[in-house]
N, C-alpha and C. Protein backbone atom coordinates (compact mmCIF):
# COMPACT_ATOMS: atom_id res chain seq x y z
N UNK A 1 -0.88 -1.03 -22.16
CA UNK A 1 -1.28 -0.63 -21.42
C UNK A 1 0.13 -0.03 -20.59
N UNK A 2 0.07 1.40 -20.48
CA UNK A 2 1.64 2.26 -19.49
C UNK A 2 1.39 1.55 -17.93
N UNK A 3 2.60 1.83 -17.88
CA UNK A 3 2.74 1.34 -16.31
C UNK A 3 1.97 2.52 -15.55
N UNK A 4 1.59 3.63 -15.74
CA UNK A 4 0.75 4.42 -15.17
C UNK A 4 -0.85 3.57 -14.91
N UNK A 5 -0.96 3.26 -15.87
CA UNK A 5 -2.25 2.41 -16.17
C UNK A 5 -2.38 1.26 -15.24
N UNK A 6 -1.55 0.61 -15.57
CA UNK A 6 -1.11 -0.67 -14.82
C UNK A 6 -1.11 -0.22 -13.19
N UNK A 7 -0.64 0.55 -13.03
CA UNK A 7 -0.44 1.10 -11.66
C UNK A 7 -1.84 1.17 -10.94
N UNK A 8 -2.58 2.51 -11.64
CA UNK A 8 -3.81 2.30 -11.16
C UNK A 8 -4.74 1.64 -11.07
N UNK A 9 -4.91 0.46 -12.29
CA UNK A 9 -5.50 -0.46 -11.86
C UNK A 9 -5.66 -1.62 -10.71
N UNK A 10 -3.75 -1.32 -10.41
CA UNK A 10 -3.34 -2.11 -9.02
C UNK A 10 -3.59 -1.60 -8.16
N UNK A 11 -3.53 -0.44 -7.84
CA UNK A 11 -4.18 0.43 -6.57
C UNK A 11 -5.38 0.12 -6.19
N UNK A 12 -6.46 0.17 -7.33
CA UNK A 12 -8.10 -0.10 -7.48
C UNK A 12 -8.02 -1.86 -6.59
N UNK A 13 -7.15 -2.62 -7.04
CA UNK A 13 -7.26 -4.11 -6.79
C UNK A 13 -6.91 -3.77 -5.21
N UNK A 14 -5.94 -3.36 -5.11
CA UNK A 14 -5.79 -3.05 -3.59
C UNK A 14 -6.67 -2.50 -2.91
N UNK A 15 -7.27 -1.63 -2.79
CA UNK A 15 -8.21 -0.84 -2.30
C UNK A 15 -9.48 -1.53 -2.09
N UNK A 16 -9.74 -2.50 -3.17
CA UNK A 16 -10.89 -3.41 -2.97
C UNK A 16 -10.45 -4.74 -2.19
N UNK A 17 -9.26 -5.09 -2.15
CA UNK A 17 -8.67 -5.77 -1.37
C UNK A 17 -8.68 -5.55 0.19
N UNK A 18 -8.37 -4.54 0.45
CA UNK A 18 -8.43 -3.98 1.63
C UNK A 18 -9.93 -3.95 2.35
N UNK A 19 -10.73 -3.68 1.23
CA UNK A 19 -12.23 -3.60 1.62
C UNK A 19 -12.74 -4.85 2.15
N UNK A 20 -12.34 -5.40 1.34
CA UNK A 20 -13.09 -7.22 1.54
C UNK A 20 -12.34 -7.68 2.73
N UNK A 21 -11.18 -7.52 3.08
CA UNK A 21 -10.57 -7.96 4.89
C UNK A 21 -11.08 -7.01 5.56
N UNK A 22 -11.94 -5.66 5.42
CA UNK A 22 -12.45 -4.74 6.36
C UNK A 22 -10.95 -4.34 7.07
N UNK A 23 -10.09 -3.95 6.18
CA UNK A 23 -8.91 -2.95 6.23
C UNK A 23 -9.12 -1.39 5.74
N UNK A 24 -10.37 -1.14 5.43
CA UNK A 24 -10.34 0.18 4.99
C UNK A 24 -10.85 1.16 5.46
N UNK A 25 -12.01 0.67 6.44
CA UNK A 25 -12.76 1.78 6.89
C UNK A 25 -11.99 2.20 8.48
N UNK A 26 -11.36 3.24 8.26
CA UNK A 26 -10.34 3.89 9.49
C UNK A 26 -10.27 5.32 9.62
N UNK A 27 -10.19 5.70 10.65
CA UNK A 27 -10.14 7.00 10.67
C UNK A 27 -8.81 7.87 10.35
N UNK A 28 -8.88 9.00 9.67
CA UNK A 28 -7.56 9.49 9.26
C UNK A 28 -6.51 9.97 10.28
N UNK A 29 -5.24 9.74 9.91
CA UNK A 29 -4.05 9.67 10.90
C UNK A 29 -4.32 11.52 11.53
N UNK A 30 -3.71 11.75 12.82
CA UNK A 30 -4.08 13.23 12.78
C UNK A 30 -2.38 13.90 12.01
N UNK A 31 -2.35 14.82 11.38
CA UNK A 31 -1.22 15.51 10.51
C UNK A 31 -0.02 15.11 11.06
N UNK A 32 0.34 15.12 12.38
CA UNK A 32 1.42 15.12 12.61
C UNK A 32 2.18 13.38 12.53
N UNK A 33 1.00 12.35 12.43
CA UNK A 33 1.21 11.02 12.35
C UNK A 33 2.37 11.16 10.77
N UNK A 34 2.18 12.12 9.79
CA UNK A 34 2.70 11.92 8.96
C UNK A 34 3.61 12.57 8.58
N UNK A 35 4.52 12.93 9.56
CA UNK A 35 5.55 13.30 9.67
C UNK A 35 6.67 12.40 10.62
N UNK A 36 6.37 11.23 10.56
CA UNK A 36 6.90 10.18 10.93
C UNK A 36 8.23 9.96 9.93
N UNK A 37 9.64 9.84 11.02
CA UNK A 37 10.87 9.35 10.06
C UNK A 37 10.75 8.27 10.06
N UNK A 38 9.86 7.34 10.96
CA UNK A 38 10.33 5.86 10.40
C UNK A 38 9.24 5.34 9.28
N UNK A 39 10.04 4.20 9.02
CA UNK A 39 9.62 3.63 7.97
C UNK A 39 8.05 3.25 8.13
N UNK A 40 7.18 3.34 7.33
CA UNK A 40 5.91 3.25 7.24
C UNK A 40 5.14 3.66 8.07
N UNK A 41 5.69 4.86 8.78
CA UNK A 41 5.24 5.57 9.63
C UNK A 41 4.84 4.52 10.67
N UNK A 42 5.21 3.61 11.37
CA UNK A 42 5.02 2.11 12.12
C UNK A 42 5.29 2.89 13.50
N UNK A 43 5.97 3.86 13.77
CA UNK A 43 5.73 4.44 15.52
C UNK A 43 4.06 5.50 15.31
N UNK A 44 3.50 5.81 14.34
CA UNK A 44 2.30 6.87 14.36
C UNK A 44 1.14 6.18 13.39
N UNK A 45 1.24 5.06 13.00
CA UNK A 45 -0.10 4.72 12.34
C UNK A 45 0.15 3.02 11.98
N UNK A 46 -1.00 2.57 12.21
CA UNK A 46 -1.19 1.13 11.61
C UNK A 46 -0.89 1.21 10.28
N UNK A 47 -0.15 -0.23 10.15
CA UNK A 47 0.20 -0.59 8.47
C UNK A 47 -1.25 -0.24 7.62
N UNK A 48 -2.29 -0.54 7.61
CA UNK A 48 -3.49 -0.26 6.97
C UNK A 48 -3.61 1.20 6.98
N UNK A 49 -3.47 1.88 7.71
CA UNK A 49 -3.47 3.59 7.57
C UNK A 49 -2.61 3.79 6.71
N UNK A 50 -1.54 3.32 6.79
CA UNK A 50 -0.04 4.17 6.20
C UNK A 50 -0.50 3.60 4.73
N UNK A 51 -1.14 2.07 4.57
CA UNK A 51 -1.51 1.91 3.24
C UNK A 51 -2.45 2.65 2.41
N UNK A 52 -3.18 3.05 3.05
CA UNK A 52 -4.18 3.81 2.91
C UNK A 52 -4.22 5.52 2.65
N UNK A 53 -3.39 5.76 3.41
CA UNK A 53 -3.37 7.51 3.61
C UNK A 53 -1.95 7.70 2.80
N UNK A 54 -1.09 6.81 2.84
CA UNK A 54 0.29 7.74 2.16
C UNK A 54 0.98 6.78 1.23
N UNK A 55 0.44 5.38 1.32
CA UNK A 55 1.24 4.49 0.13
C UNK A 55 0.62 4.94 -1.15
N UNK A 56 -0.67 4.07 -1.05
CA UNK A 56 -1.93 4.66 -2.01
C UNK A 56 -1.86 5.85 -2.12
N UNK A 57 -2.00 6.94 -1.74
CA UNK A 57 -2.05 8.26 -2.07
C UNK A 57 -0.88 8.86 -2.68
N UNK A 58 0.20 8.46 -2.35
CA UNK A 58 1.67 8.60 -2.83
C UNK A 58 1.65 8.62 -4.32
N UNK A 59 1.31 6.92 -4.52
CA UNK A 59 1.33 6.47 -6.07
C UNK A 59 0.35 7.15 -6.65
N UNK A 60 -0.96 7.22 -6.30
CA UNK A 60 -2.02 7.75 -7.21
C UNK A 60 -1.58 9.28 -7.63
N UNK A 61 -0.68 9.68 -6.75
CA UNK A 61 -0.81 11.05 -7.41
C UNK A 61 0.45 10.68 -8.33
N UNK A 62 1.21 10.12 -8.46
CA UNK A 62 2.57 9.57 -9.46
C UNK A 62 1.66 9.38 -10.78
N UNK A 63 0.75 8.30 -10.64
CA UNK A 63 -0.05 8.09 -11.79
C UNK A 63 -0.87 9.17 -12.00
N UNK A 64 -1.57 9.92 -11.50
CA UNK A 64 -2.19 11.21 -12.28
C UNK A 64 -1.03 12.10 -12.97
N UNK A 65 -0.06 12.48 -12.31
CA UNK A 65 1.11 13.52 -12.86
C UNK A 65 1.79 12.82 -13.74
N UNK A 66 1.48 11.20 -14.11
CA UNK A 66 2.33 10.31 -14.91
C UNK A 66 3.87 10.91 -14.66
N UNK A 67 4.10 10.80 -13.34
CA UNK A 67 5.87 10.92 -12.93
C UNK A 67 6.31 9.73 -13.05
N UNK A 68 7.78 10.14 -12.91
CA UNK A 68 8.74 8.99 -12.71
C UNK A 68 8.59 8.09 -11.43
N UNK A 69 8.40 6.93 -11.53
CA UNK A 69 8.30 5.95 -10.59
C UNK A 69 9.69 6.12 -9.78
N UNK A 70 9.40 5.73 -8.20
CA UNK A 70 10.83 5.57 -7.38
C UNK A 70 11.86 4.50 -7.63
N UNK A 71 13.01 4.85 -7.47
CA UNK A 71 13.64 3.37 -7.72
C UNK A 71 13.55 2.13 -7.21
N UNK A 72 12.94 2.37 -6.06
CA UNK A 72 12.30 1.01 -5.32
C UNK A 72 11.22 1.18 -4.60
N UNK A 73 10.98 -0.17 -4.65
CA UNK A 73 9.31 -0.56 -3.39
C UNK A 73 9.51 -1.60 -3.33
N UNK A 74 9.16 -1.67 -1.83
CA UNK A 74 9.76 -3.24 -1.25
C UNK A 74 8.49 -2.85 -0.07
N UNK A 75 7.14 -3.01 -0.23
CA UNK A 75 6.40 -2.99 0.64
C UNK A 75 5.79 -4.37 1.22
N UNK A 76 5.57 -5.26 -0.01
CA UNK A 76 5.03 -6.56 0.46
C UNK A 76 5.77 -7.31 1.62
N UNK A 77 6.71 -7.48 2.37
CA UNK A 77 7.30 -8.03 2.90
C UNK A 77 6.77 -7.47 4.62
N UNK A 78 6.21 -5.82 4.69
CA UNK A 78 6.09 -5.32 5.98
C UNK A 78 4.68 -5.80 5.62
N UNK A 79 3.96 -6.15 4.74
CA UNK A 79 2.44 -5.91 4.36
C UNK A 79 2.50 -7.80 5.14
N UNK A 80 3.09 -8.67 4.58
CA UNK A 80 2.90 -9.84 5.12
C UNK A 80 3.24 -9.96 6.55
N UNK A 81 4.27 -9.42 7.01
CA UNK A 81 4.76 -9.68 8.68
C UNK A 81 3.57 -8.81 9.44
N UNK A 82 2.93 -7.99 9.10
CA UNK A 82 1.91 -7.58 9.88
C UNK A 82 0.64 -8.02 10.09
N UNK A 83 0.31 -8.70 8.60
CA UNK A 83 -1.06 -9.62 8.58
C UNK A 83 -0.55 -11.08 9.43
N UNK A 84 0.59 -11.08 9.71
CA UNK A 84 1.26 -12.70 10.13
C UNK A 84 0.62 -12.16 11.71
N UNK A 85 1.46 -11.10 12.03
CA UNK A 85 1.43 -10.55 13.56
C UNK A 85 -0.23 -10.40 13.83
N UNK A 86 -0.83 -10.06 13.08
CA UNK A 86 -2.41 -9.69 13.61
C UNK A 86 -3.07 -10.65 13.21
N UNK A 87 -2.48 -11.81 12.67
CA UNK A 87 -3.36 -13.25 12.76
C UNK A 87 -4.51 -12.98 11.34
N UNK A 88 -4.29 -12.37 10.67
CA UNK A 88 -5.19 -12.22 9.66
C UNK A 88 -5.66 -13.64 8.77
N UNK A 89 -6.81 -14.21 8.46
CA UNK A 89 -6.76 -14.91 7.65
C UNK A 89 -5.94 -15.26 6.54
N UNK A 90 -5.85 -16.59 6.11
CA UNK A 90 -4.60 -16.94 5.45
C UNK A 90 -4.98 -16.13 4.20
N UNK A 91 -6.18 -16.40 3.78
CA UNK A 91 -6.74 -15.96 2.44
C UNK A 91 -6.57 -14.62 2.28
N UNK A 92 -6.75 -13.72 2.92
CA UNK A 92 -6.87 -12.27 3.11
C UNK A 92 -5.34 -11.77 3.37
N UNK A 93 -4.40 -12.42 3.45
CA UNK A 93 -2.93 -12.45 3.54
C UNK A 93 -2.46 -12.76 2.19
N UNK A 94 -2.65 -13.85 1.84
CA UNK A 94 -2.34 -14.28 0.55
C UNK A 94 -2.48 -13.57 -0.27
N UNK A 95 -3.91 -13.01 -0.46
CA UNK A 95 -4.27 -11.80 -1.65
C UNK A 95 -3.70 -10.70 -1.31
N UNK A 96 -3.60 -10.13 -0.06
CA UNK A 96 -3.07 -8.62 0.23
C UNK A 96 -1.43 -8.95 -0.32
N UNK A 97 -1.28 -9.81 -0.13
CA UNK A 97 0.34 -9.89 -0.48
C UNK A 97 0.70 -9.73 -1.91
N UNK A 98 0.02 -10.93 -2.46
CA UNK A 98 0.22 -10.68 -3.85
C UNK A 98 -0.02 -9.47 -4.79
N UNK A 99 -1.21 -8.62 -4.46
CA UNK A 99 -1.51 -7.34 -4.93
C UNK A 99 -0.35 -6.53 -4.49
N UNK A 100 0.48 -6.26 -3.36
CA UNK A 100 1.18 -5.55 -2.95
C UNK A 100 2.72 -5.82 -3.78
N UNK A 101 3.09 -7.22 -3.98
CA UNK A 101 4.18 -7.62 -4.72
C UNK A 101 3.73 -7.19 -6.36
N UNK A 102 2.77 -7.13 -6.54
CA UNK A 102 2.22 -6.52 -7.98
C UNK A 102 2.35 -5.59 -8.40
N UNK A 103 2.38 -4.59 -7.03
CA UNK A 103 2.54 -3.13 -7.12
C UNK A 103 3.95 -2.83 -7.09
N UNK A 104 4.78 -3.20 -5.82
CA UNK A 104 6.28 -3.16 -5.99
C UNK A 104 6.94 -3.72 -7.21
N UNK A 105 6.77 -4.59 -7.68
CA UNK A 105 7.22 -5.00 -9.29
C UNK A 105 6.95 -4.02 -10.58
N UNK A 106 5.67 -3.25 -10.26
CA UNK A 106 5.19 -2.65 -11.26
C UNK A 106 6.00 -1.30 -11.00
N UNK A 107 6.44 -1.16 -10.05
CA UNK A 107 6.92 0.14 -9.32
C UNK A 107 8.59 0.16 -9.73
N UNK A 108 9.16 -1.00 -9.20
CA UNK A 108 10.56 -1.17 -9.04
C UNK A 108 11.14 -1.11 -10.77
N UNK A 109 10.32 -2.09 -11.48
CA UNK A 109 10.89 -2.50 -12.35
C UNK A 109 10.20 -1.70 -13.96
N UNK A 110 9.91 -0.24 -13.63
CA UNK A 110 9.81 0.51 -14.81
C UNK A 110 10.48 1.93 -14.24
């Protein structure tokens, strides 16, 4: 299986995990929110919004184009910090972090 196929599968798993944790249904941010210079658009979006509308969308575009992967991807620590801060259930936090760590590895190691 190619890295693009593995990444596509991991992105579907992230979507499924977010849906199961009730973190998928949300409003699309206003267009200006995407222009944030801050990491993870932290000043204009909640992290689940960023995951859905920026992170997943950008990686899906790379998969579709079979484009080269970014040099680094280190999103899992931010996801863990956010979920801990929000008091997410331990099971949701563990599963989400595991899925995002896998995506980080797929992107960075290829």
